[in-house]
Amino acid sequence: MMELSIAEWPWRDYREGMLEKERKEVVACAGKQVQVFHGTKDNVPLVLCHAVHGEGEELWKNCNALGCPDFSLAVVNGVDWNRDMSPWAIPPLFKDDTPLSGGADAYLAELEQDILPGIKGKLDASPSCLAIAGYSLAGLFALYAAYKTDSFQRIVSASGSLWYPKLMDYVEQHKISDTMRVMYFSLGDKESMTRNPVLSTVEDQTKRIEEMMKAKDIQTTFVLNQGNHYRDATLRTAKGIKWMLEQR
């Protein structure tokens, strides 16, 4: 095998590979494992997401494949999905299903006090804006967070669980943060086609909420994707992130 001289080494490929590795790290914050993907420049938007099974790599790849504007991504793993992402307790929707215990307020306090400072401490500069994106219950949590804190300026609720009982009452009776500027909503076009009377409201309620936000002079959009709730979760989220980042 012919050996390459030092001058002939593929330094560009090697250097780019090293830079790619340096752009990714795992940070321990408040007992959570957070995958941090750094943008190519300082002072870019930071998008926070919550994951069930460590989907950070796939989400980051989808965002890059779609050509998202430069940003940093932090994906929090290890949350108690049915507790931390639910705003208040509700009984199981199906027989033998798991109830949602309504721990979002407690988790949001942990997020603001411990997790976000830990993430920001790993960035080279303060982010130009802070966004929160989520799928399913995490999409519901993103919307709920916009009512409970001024930390976020943009949200993505991709196939968000906006069928949640009493959610419309909450949205109508509470004031969203004055910092909110951009909101993206999406669903699969088959998500409301269910016999469950609660879940079947998801499209109507999502559209109503989007219209209410638009009436508040917030930049919004609502997108219908093909398929049911379980199709292309990270791709749908990435599409929302791209649209969100492209808005002024």
C-alpha atoms as a PDB file:
ATOM      1  CA  MET A   1       0.000   0.000   0.000  1.00  0.00           C
ATOM      2  CA  MET A   2       1.420   3.388  -1.008  1.00  0.00           C
ATOM      3  CA  GLU A   3       1.910   5.785   1.899  1.00  0.00           C
ATOM      4  CA  LEU A   4       0.936   9.428   1.553  1.00  0.00           C
ATOM      5  CA  SER A   5       3.399  12.145   2.349  1.00  0.00           C
ATOM      6  CA  ILE A   6       2.401  14.738   4.924  1.00  0.00           C
ATOM      7  CA  ALA A   7       1.675  17.207   2.126  1.00  0.00           C
ATOM      8  CA  GLU A   8      -0.677  14.701   0.480  1.00  0.00           C
ATOM      9  CA  TRP A   9      -2.818  13.962   3.576  1.00  0.00           C
ATOM     10  CA  PRO A  10      -6.528  14.832   3.083  1.00  0.00           C
ATOM     11  CA  TRP A  11      -6.290  17.555   5.715  1.00  0.00           C
ATOM     12  CA  ARG A  12      -9.526  19.232   4.696  1.00  0.00           C
ATOM     13  CA  ASP A  13     -11.589  16.082   5.240  1.00  0.00           C
ATOM     14  CA  TYR A  14      -9.812  15.400   8.522  1.00  0.00           C
ATOM     15  CA  ARG A  15     -10.266  18.969   9.754  1.00  0.00           C
ATOM     16  CA  GLU A  16     -13.947  19.077   8.805  1.00  0.00           C
ATOM     17  CA  GLY A  17     -14.485  15.756  10.557  1.00  0.00           C
ATOM     18  CA  MET A  18     -12.893  17.093  13.721  1.00  0.00           C
ATOM     19  CA  LEU A  19     -14.945  20.287  13.552  1.00  0.00           C
ATOM     20  CA  GLU A  20     -18.111  18.216  13.172  1.00  0.00           C
ATOM     21  CA  LYS A  21     -17.227  16.279  16.325  1.00  0.00           C
ATOM     22  CA  GLU A  22     -16.501  19.511  18.195  1.00  0.00           C
ATOM     23  CA  ARG A  23     -19.936  20.837  17.253  1.00  0.00           C
ATOM     24  CA  LYS A  24     -21.617  18.055  19.232  1.00  0.00           C
ATOM     25  CA  GLU A  25     -21.415  17.272  22.928  1.00  0.00           C
ATOM     26  CA  VAL A  26     -23.455  15.756  25.728  1.00  0.00           C
ATOM     27  CA  VAL A  27     -23.995  17.858  28.841  1.00  0.00           C
ATOM     28  CA  ALA A  28     -25.344  16.640  32.192  1.00  0.00           C
ATOM     29  CA  CYS A  29     -27.849  19.139  33.622  1.00  0.00           C
ATOM     30  CA  ALA A  30     -30.033  18.451  36.666  1.00  0.00           C
ATOM     31  CA  GLY A  31     -29.828  14.711  36.070  1.00  0.00           C
ATOM     32  CA  LYS A  32     -30.768  15.058  32.400  1.00  0.00           C
ATOM     33  CA  GLN A  33     -28.543  14.197  29.455  1.00  0.00           C
ATOM     34  CA  VAL A  34     -28.630  17.090  27.001  1.00  0.00           C
ATOM     35  CA  GLN A  35     -27.355  16.696  23.445  1.00  0.00           C
ATOM     36  CA  VAL A  36     -25.934  20.057  22.345  1.00  0.00           C
ATOM     37  CA  PHE A  37     -25.315  20.734  18.649  1.00  0.00           C
ATOM     38  CA  HIS A  38     -23.445  23.980  18.065  1.00  0.00           C
ATOM     39  CA  GLY A  39     -24.105  26.361  15.200  1.00  0.00           C
ATOM     40  CA  THR A  40     -21.235  27.423  12.976  1.00  0.00           C
ATOM     41  CA  LYS A  41     -21.253  30.996  14.300  1.00  0.00           C
ATOM     42  CA  ASP A  42     -21.611  32.686  17.669  1.00  0.00           C
ATOM     43  CA  ASN A  43     -24.771  34.494  18.726  1.00  0.00           C
ATOM     44  CA  VAL A  44     -27.159  32.324  16.664  1.00  0.00           C
ATOM     45  CA  PRO A  45     -30.624  31.204  17.845  1.00  0.00           C
ATOM     46  CA  LEU A  46     -30.805  28.387  20.383  1.00  0.00           C
ATOM     47  CA  VAL A  47     -33.623  25.872  19.905  1.00  0.00           C
ATOM     48  CA  LEU A  48     -34.559  23.674  22.863  1.00  0.00           C
ATOM     49  CA  CYS A  49     -36.289  20.328  22.304  1.00  0.00           C
ATOM     50  CA  HIS A  50     -37.330  17.380  24.455  1.00  0.00           C
ATOM     51  CA  ALA A  51     -36.826  13.797  23.326  1.00  0.00           C
ATOM     52  CA  VAL A  52     -38.183  10.395  24.248  1.00  0.00           C
ATOM     53  CA  HIS A  53     -35.439   8.146  22.910  1.00  0.00           C
ATOM     54  CA  GLY A  54     -32.455  10.387  22.163  1.00  0.00           C
ATOM     55  CA  GLU A  55     -33.651  11.621  18.770  1.00  0.00           C
ATOM     56  CA  GLY A  56     -31.190  14.526  18.781  1.00  0.00           C
ATOM     57  CA  GLU A  57     -28.882  13.160  16.091  1.00  0.00           C
ATOM     58  CA  GLU A  58     -31.743  12.440  13.693  1.00  0.00           C
ATOM     59  CA  LEU A  59     -33.348  15.830  14.320  1.00  0.00           C
ATOM     60  CA  TRP A  60     -30.049  17.664  13.772  1.00  0.00           C
ATOM     61  CA  LYS A  61     -29.428  15.756  10.522  1.00  0.00           C
ATOM     62  CA  ASN A  62     -32.931  16.533   9.270  1.00  0.00           C
ATOM     63  CA  CYS A  63     -32.507  20.220  10.083  1.00  0.00           C
ATOM     64  CA  ASN A  64     -29.231  20.349   8.170  1.00  0.00           C
ATOM     65  CA  ALA A  65     -30.662  18.380   5.234  1.00  0.00           C
ATOM     66  CA  LEU A  66     -33.526  20.871   4.964  1.00  0.00           C
ATOM     67  CA  GLY A  67     -31.077  23.787   4.911  1.00  0.00           C
ATOM     68  CA  CYS A  68     -32.103  25.436   8.175  1.00  0.00           C
ATOM     69  CA  PRO A  69     -30.555  28.825   8.930  1.00  0.00           C
ATOM     70  CA  ASP A  70     -27.604  28.621  11.306  1.00  0.00           C
ATOM     71  CA  PHE A  71     -28.647  27.788  14.879  1.00  0.00           C
ATOM     72  CA  SER A  72     -27.699  25.732  17.924  1.00  0.00           C
ATOM     73  CA  LEU A  73     -29.853  22.839  19.123  1.00  0.00           C
ATOM     74  CA  ALA A  74     -30.192  21.436  22.639  1.00  0.00           C
ATOM     75  CA  VAL A  75     -32.148  18.189  23.024  1.00  0.00           C
ATOM     76  CA  VAL A  76     -33.084  17.223  26.575  1.00  0.00           C
ATOM     77  CA  ASN A  77     -33.293  13.488  27.267  1.00  0.00           C
ATOM     78  CA  GLY A  78     -34.489  11.752  30.405  1.00  0.00           C
ATOM     79  CA  VAL A  79     -37.665  13.676  31.164  1.00  0.00           C
ATOM     80  CA  ASP A  80     -40.650  11.853  32.601  1.00  0.00           C
ATOM     81  CA  TRP A  81     -42.785  12.284  29.488  1.00  0.00           C
ATOM     82  CA  ASN A  82     -46.246  11.800  31.021  1.00  0.00           C
ATOM     83  CA  ARG A  83     -45.450  13.915  34.068  1.00  0.00           C
ATOM     84  CA  ASP A  84     -43.083  16.677  32.928  1.00  0.00           C
ATOM     85  CA  MET A  85     -44.771  17.488  29.611  1.00  0.00           C
ATOM     86  CA  SER A  86     -48.381  17.606  30.914  1.00  0.00           C
ATOM     87  CA  PRO A  87     -49.732  20.908  32.339  1.00  0.00           C
ATOM     88  CA  TRP A  88     -52.322  19.368  34.677  1.00  0.00           C
ATOM     89  CA  ALA A  89     -53.445  15.873  35.577  1.00  0.00           C
ATOM     90  CA  ILE A  90     -55.918  13.992  33.396  1.00  0.00           C
ATOM     91  CA  PRO A  91     -57.127  10.374  33.572  1.00  0.00           C
ATOM     92  CA  PRO A  92     -56.045   7.768  31.000  1.00  0.00           C
ATOM     93  CA  LEU A  93     -57.546   8.218  27.532  1.00  0.00           C
ATOM     94  CA  PHE A  94     -57.766   4.472  26.971  1.00  0.00           C
ATOM     95  CA  LYS A  95     -58.307   1.451  29.175  1.00  0.00           C
ATOM     96  CA  ASP A  96     -55.062   0.346  30.842  1.00  0.00           C
ATOM     97  CA  ASP A  97     -53.313   3.474  29.549  1.00  0.00           C
ATOM     98  CA  THR A  98     -51.005   5.649  31.679  1.00  0.00           C
ATOM     99  CA  PRO A  99     -52.506   8.778  33.267  1.00  0.00           C
ATOM    100  CA  LEU A 100     -50.847  12.143  32.712  1.00  0.00           C
ATOM    101  CA  SER A 101     -49.917  13.564  36.083  1.00  0.00           C
ATOM    102  CA  GLY A 102     -49.490  17.276  35.357  1.00  0.00           C
ATOM    103  CA  GLY A 103     -45.921  18.073  36.399  1.00  0.00           C
ATOM    104  CA  ALA A 104     -45.139  20.718  33.779  1.00  0.00           C
ATOM    105  CA  ASP A 105     -44.900  23.609  36.260  1.00  0.00           C
ATOM    106  CA  ALA A 106     -42.327  21.838  38.414  1.00  0.00           C
ATOM    107  CA  TYR A 107     -40.330  20.749  35.397  1.00  0.00           C
ATOM    108  CA  LEU A 108     -40.442  24.225  33.841  1.00  0.00           C
ATOM    109  CA  ALA A 109     -38.929  25.636  37.043  1.00  0.00           C
ATOM    110  CA  GLU A 110     -36.119  23.049  36.818  1.00  0.00           C
ATOM    111  CA  LEU A 111     -35.651  23.878  33.159  1.00  0.00           C
ATOM    112  CA  GLU A 112     -35.237  27.593  33.789  1.00  0.00           C
ATOM    113  CA  GLN A 113     -33.196  27.359  36.981  1.00  0.00           C
ATOM    114  CA  ASP A 114     -30.829  24.501  36.151  1.00  0.00           C
ATOM    115  CA  ILE A 115     -31.026  23.085  32.637  1.00  0.00           C
ATOM    116  CA  LEU A 116     -31.047  26.230  30.499  1.00  0.00           C
ATOM    117  CA  PRO A 117     -28.165  27.869  32.414  1.00  0.00           C
ATOM    118  CA  GLY A 118     -26.170  24.660  31.982  1.00  0.00           C
ATOM    119  CA  ILE A 119     -26.802  24.655  28.239  1.00  0.00           C
ATOM    120  CA  LYS A 120     -26.019  28.340  27.793  1.00  0.00           C
ATOM    121  CA  GLY A 121     -22.790  27.845  29.717  1.00  0.00           C
ATOM    122  CA  LYS A 122     -21.585  25.581  26.910  1.00  0.00           C
ATOM    123  CA  LEU A 123     -22.206  28.157  24.190  1.00  0.00           C
ATOM    124  CA  ASP A 124     -19.525  30.572  23.025  1.00  0.00           C
ATOM    125  CA  ALA A 125     -21.944  33.502  23.109  1.00  0.00           C
ATOM    126  CA  SER A 126     -25.451  34.344  24.228  1.00  0.00           C
ATOM    127  CA  PRO A 127     -28.041  33.148  21.696  1.00  0.00           C
ATOM    128  CA  SER A 128     -29.701  35.765  19.531  1.00  0.00           C
ATOM    129  CA  CYS A 129     -33.074  34.315  20.561  1.00  0.00           C
ATOM    130  CA  LEU A 130     -34.390  31.321  22.472  1.00  0.00           C
ATOM    131  CA  ALA A 131     -36.969  28.980  20.961  1.00  0.00           C
ATOM    132  CA  ILE A 132     -38.657  25.820  22.188  1.00  0.00           C
ATOM    133  CA  ALA A 133     -39.805  23.069  19.847  1.00  0.00           C
ATOM    134  CA  GLY A 134     -41.531  19.794  20.543  1.00  0.00           C
ATOM    135  CA  TYR A 135     -43.513  16.901  19.129  1.00  0.00           C
ATOM    136  CA  SER A 136     -46.670  15.407  20.631  1.00  0.00           C
ATOM    137  CA  LEU A 137     -46.799  16.156  24.383  1.00  0.00           C
ATOM    138  CA  ALA A 138     -43.613  18.195  24.017  1.00  0.00           C
ATOM    139  CA  GLY A 139     -45.464  20.333  21.471  1.00  0.00           C
ATOM    140  CA  LEU A 140     -48.155  20.920  24.092  1.00  0.00           C
ATOM    141  CA  PHE A 141     -45.454  21.766  26.642  1.00  0.00           C
ATOM    142  CA  ALA A 142     -43.926  24.294  24.231  1.00  0.00           C
ATOM    143  CA  LEU A 143     -47.257  26.120  23.978  1.00  0.00           C
ATOM    144  CA  TYR A 144     -47.849  25.944  27.729  1.00  0.00           C
ATOM    145  CA  ALA A 145     -44.360  27.319  28.420  1.00  0.00           C
ATOM    146  CA  ALA A 146     -45.220  30.381  26.329  1.00  0.00           C
ATOM    147  CA  TYR A 147     -47.891  31.217  28.919  1.00  0.00           C
ATOM    148  CA  LYS A 148     -45.784  30.493  31.997  1.00  0.00           C
ATOM    149  CA  THR A 149     -42.459  32.188  31.228  1.00  0.00           C
ATOM    150  CA  ASP A 150     -40.920  35.042  29.237  1.00  0.00           C
ATOM    151  CA  SER A 151     -37.857  32.942  28.354  1.00  0.00           C
ATOM    152  CA  PHE A 152     -38.927  31.984  24.823  1.00  0.00           C
ATOM    153  CA  GLN A 153     -39.578  34.132  21.767  1.00  0.00           C
ATOM    154  CA  ARG A 154     -40.525  31.379  19.303  1.00  0.00           C
ATOM    155  CA  ILE A 155     -42.138  27.955  19.489  1.00  0.00           C
ATOM    156  CA  VAL A 156     -42.735  24.914  17.301  1.00  0.00           C
ATOM    157  CA  SER A 157     -45.652  22.645  18.196  1.00  0.00           C
ATOM    158  CA  ALA A 158     -45.336  19.767  15.729  1.00  0.00           C
ATOM    159  CA  SER A 159     -48.248  17.346  15.994  1.00  0.00           C
ATOM    160  CA  GLY A 160     -48.761  18.900  19.407  1.00  0.00           C
ATOM    161  CA  SER A 161     -51.199  17.275  21.822  1.00  0.00           C
ATOM    162  CA  LEU A 162     -53.505  20.263  21.627  1.00  0.00           C
ATOM    163  CA  TRP A 163     -56.489  17.982  22.131  1.00  0.00           C
ATOM    164  CA  TYR A 164     -55.650  18.240  25.849  1.00  0.00           C
ATOM    165  CA  PRO A 165     -58.770  18.558  28.035  1.00  0.00           C
ATOM    166  CA  LYS A 166     -59.473  22.129  29.219  1.00  0.00           C
ATOM    167  CA  LEU A 167     -56.654  23.517  27.054  1.00  0.00           C
ATOM    168  CA  MET A 168     -58.969  25.868  25.161  1.00  0.00           C
ATOM    169  CA  ASP A 169     -60.294  27.244  28.447  1.00  0.00           C
ATOM    170  CA  TYR A 170     -56.733  27.857  29.596  1.00  0.00           C
ATOM    171  CA  VAL A 171     -55.699  29.603  26.367  1.00  0.00           C
ATOM    172  CA  GLU A 172     -58.792  31.816  26.402  1.00  0.00           C
ATOM    173  CA  GLN A 173     -58.435  32.786  30.073  1.00  0.00           C
ATOM    174  CA  HIS A 174     -54.676  33.403  30.279  1.00  0.00           C
ATOM    175  CA  LYS A 175     -52.265  35.819  28.634  1.00  0.00           C
ATOM    176  CA  ILE A 176     -49.424  34.585  26.486  1.00  0.00           C
ATOM    177  CA  SER A 177     -45.969  36.039  27.098  1.00  0.00           C
ATOM    178  CA  ASP A 178     -45.293  39.452  25.562  1.00  0.00           C
ATOM    179  CA  THR A 179     -41.983  38.062  24.293  1.00  0.00           C
ATOM    180  CA  MET A 180     -43.656  35.609  21.909  1.00  0.00           C
ATOM    181  CA  ARG A 181     -43.034  36.488  18.252  1.00  0.00           C
ATOM    182  CA  VAL A 182     -43.288  33.354  16.073  1.00  0.00           C
ATOM    183  CA  MET A 183     -45.386  30.193  16.461  1.00  0.00           C
ATOM    184  CA  TYR A 184     -45.492  27.137  14.186  1.00  0.00           C
ATOM    185  CA  PHE A 185     -48.248  24.536  14.381  1.00  0.00           C
ATOM    186  CA  SER A 186     -48.582  21.303  12.424  1.00  0.00           C
ATOM    187  CA  LEU A 187     -50.522  18.037  12.391  1.00  0.00           C
ATOM    188  CA  GLY A 188     -50.798  14.898  10.339  1.00  0.00           C
ATOM    189  CA  ASP A 189     -53.903  14.921   8.164  1.00  0.00           C
ATOM    190  CA  LYS A 190     -55.132  11.669   9.739  1.00  0.00           C
ATOM    191  CA  GLU A 191     -54.605  12.611  13.396  1.00  0.00           C
ATOM    192  CA  SER A 192     -58.183  13.694  14.020  1.00  0.00           C
ATOM    193  CA  MET A 193     -59.613  10.579  12.335  1.00  0.00           C
ATOM    194  CA  THR A 194     -60.160   8.617  15.505  1.00  0.00           C
ATOM    195  CA  ARG A 195     -63.152   7.379  17.449  1.00  0.00           C
ATOM    196  CA  ASN A 196     -61.714   8.772  20.663  1.00  0.00           C
ATOM    197  CA  PRO A 197     -63.817  11.874  21.381  1.00  0.00           C
ATOM    198  CA  VAL A 198     -60.929  13.682  23.042  1.00  0.00           C
ATOM    199  CA  LEU A 199     -58.234  13.019  20.445  1.00  0.00           C
ATOM    200  CA  SER A 200     -60.599  13.762  17.569  1.00  0.00           C
ATOM    201  CA  THR A 201     -60.684  17.452  18.559  1.00  0.00           C
ATOM    202  CA  VAL A 202     -56.978  17.984  17.848  1.00  0.00           C
ATOM    203  CA  GLU A 203     -57.265  19.573  14.404  1.00  0.00           C
ATOM    204  CA  ASP A 204     -60.106  21.916  15.303  1.00  0.00           C
ATOM    205  CA  GLN A 205     -58.399  23.036  18.505  1.00  0.00           C
ATOM    206  CA  THR A 206     -55.008  23.488  16.861  1.00  0.00           C
ATOM    207  CA  LYS A 207     -56.527  25.651  14.126  1.00  0.00           C
ATOM    208  CA  ARG A 208     -58.458  27.715  16.672  1.00  0.00           C
ATOM    209  CA  ILE A 209     -55.358  28.321  18.763  1.00  0.00           C
ATOM    210  CA  GLU A 210     -53.318  29.281  15.702  1.00  0.00           C
ATOM    211  CA  GLU A 211     -55.974  31.804  14.675  1.00  0.00           C
ATOM    212  CA  MET A 212     -56.053  33.239  18.196  1.00  0.00           C
ATOM    213  CA  MET A 213     -52.287  33.714  18.150  1.00  0.00           C
ATOM    214  CA  LYS A 214     -52.423  35.340  14.730  1.00  0.00           C
ATOM    215  CA  ALA A 215     -55.001  37.799  16.061  1.00  0.00           C
ATOM    216  CA  LYS A 216     -52.402  38.831  18.664  1.00  0.00           C
ATOM    217  CA  ASP A 217     -50.045  39.897  15.825  1.00  0.00           C
ATOM    218  CA  ILE A 218     -47.815  36.868  16.340  1.00  0.00           C
ATOM    219  CA  GLN A 219     -46.364  35.368  13.147  1.00  0.00           C
ATOM    220  CA  THR A 220     -48.010  31.965  12.806  1.00  0.00           C
ATOM    221  CA  THR A 221     -48.615  29.166  10.357  1.00  0.00           C
ATOM    222  CA  PHE A 222     -50.518  25.897  10.433  1.00  0.00           C
ATOM    223  CA  VAL A 223     -49.318  22.971   8.291  1.00  0.00           C
ATOM    224  CA  LEU A 224     -51.031  19.662   7.533  1.00  0.00           C
ATOM    225  CA  ASN A 225     -48.614  16.820   6.837  1.00  0.00           C
ATOM    226  CA  GLN A 226     -49.519  13.467   5.342  1.00  0.00           C
ATOM    227  CA  GLY A 227     -50.085  10.605   7.737  1.00  0.00           C
ATOM    228  CA  ASN A 228     -51.024   9.874  11.302  1.00  0.00           C
ATOM    229  CA  HIS A 229     -49.442  11.002  14.561  1.00  0.00           C
ATOM    230  CA  TYR A 230     -46.565   8.524  14.420  1.00  0.00           C
ATOM    231  CA  ARG A 231     -45.205   9.358  10.979  1.00  0.00           C
ATOM    232  CA  ASP A 232     -41.972  11.356  10.422  1.00  0.00           C
ATOM    233  CA  ALA A 233     -41.794  12.891  13.895  1.00  0.00           C
ATOM    234  CA  THR A 234     -38.268  14.312  13.643  1.00  0.00           C
ATOM    235  CA  LEU A 235     -38.776  15.445  10.043  1.00  0.00           C
ATOM    236  CA  ARG A 236     -41.985  17.265  10.942  1.00  0.00           C
ATOM    237  CA  THR A 237     -40.221  18.934  13.841  1.00  0.00           C
ATOM    238  CA  ALA A 238     -37.298  19.915  11.619  1.00  0.00           C
ATOM    239  CA  LYS A 239     -39.687  21.474   9.092  1.00  0.00           C
ATOM    240  CA  GLY A 240     -41.180  23.558  11.874  1.00  0.00           C
ATOM    241  CA  ILE A 241     -37.761  24.653  13.096  1.00  0.00           C
ATOM    242  CA  LYS A 242     -36.766  25.706   9.580  1.00  0.00           C
ATOM    243  CA  TRP A 243     -39.895  27.817   9.092  1.00  0.00           C
ATOM    244  CA  MET A 244     -39.571  29.335  12.540  1.00  0.00           C
ATOM    245  CA  LEU A 245     -35.929  30.330  12.022  1.00  0.00           C
ATOM    246  CA  GLU A 246     -36.688  31.899   8.643  1.00  0.00           C
ATOM    247  CA  GLN A 247     -39.157  34.391  10.110  1.00  0.00           C
ATOM    248  CA  ARG A 248     -37.986  37.836  11.128  1.00  0.00           C
END
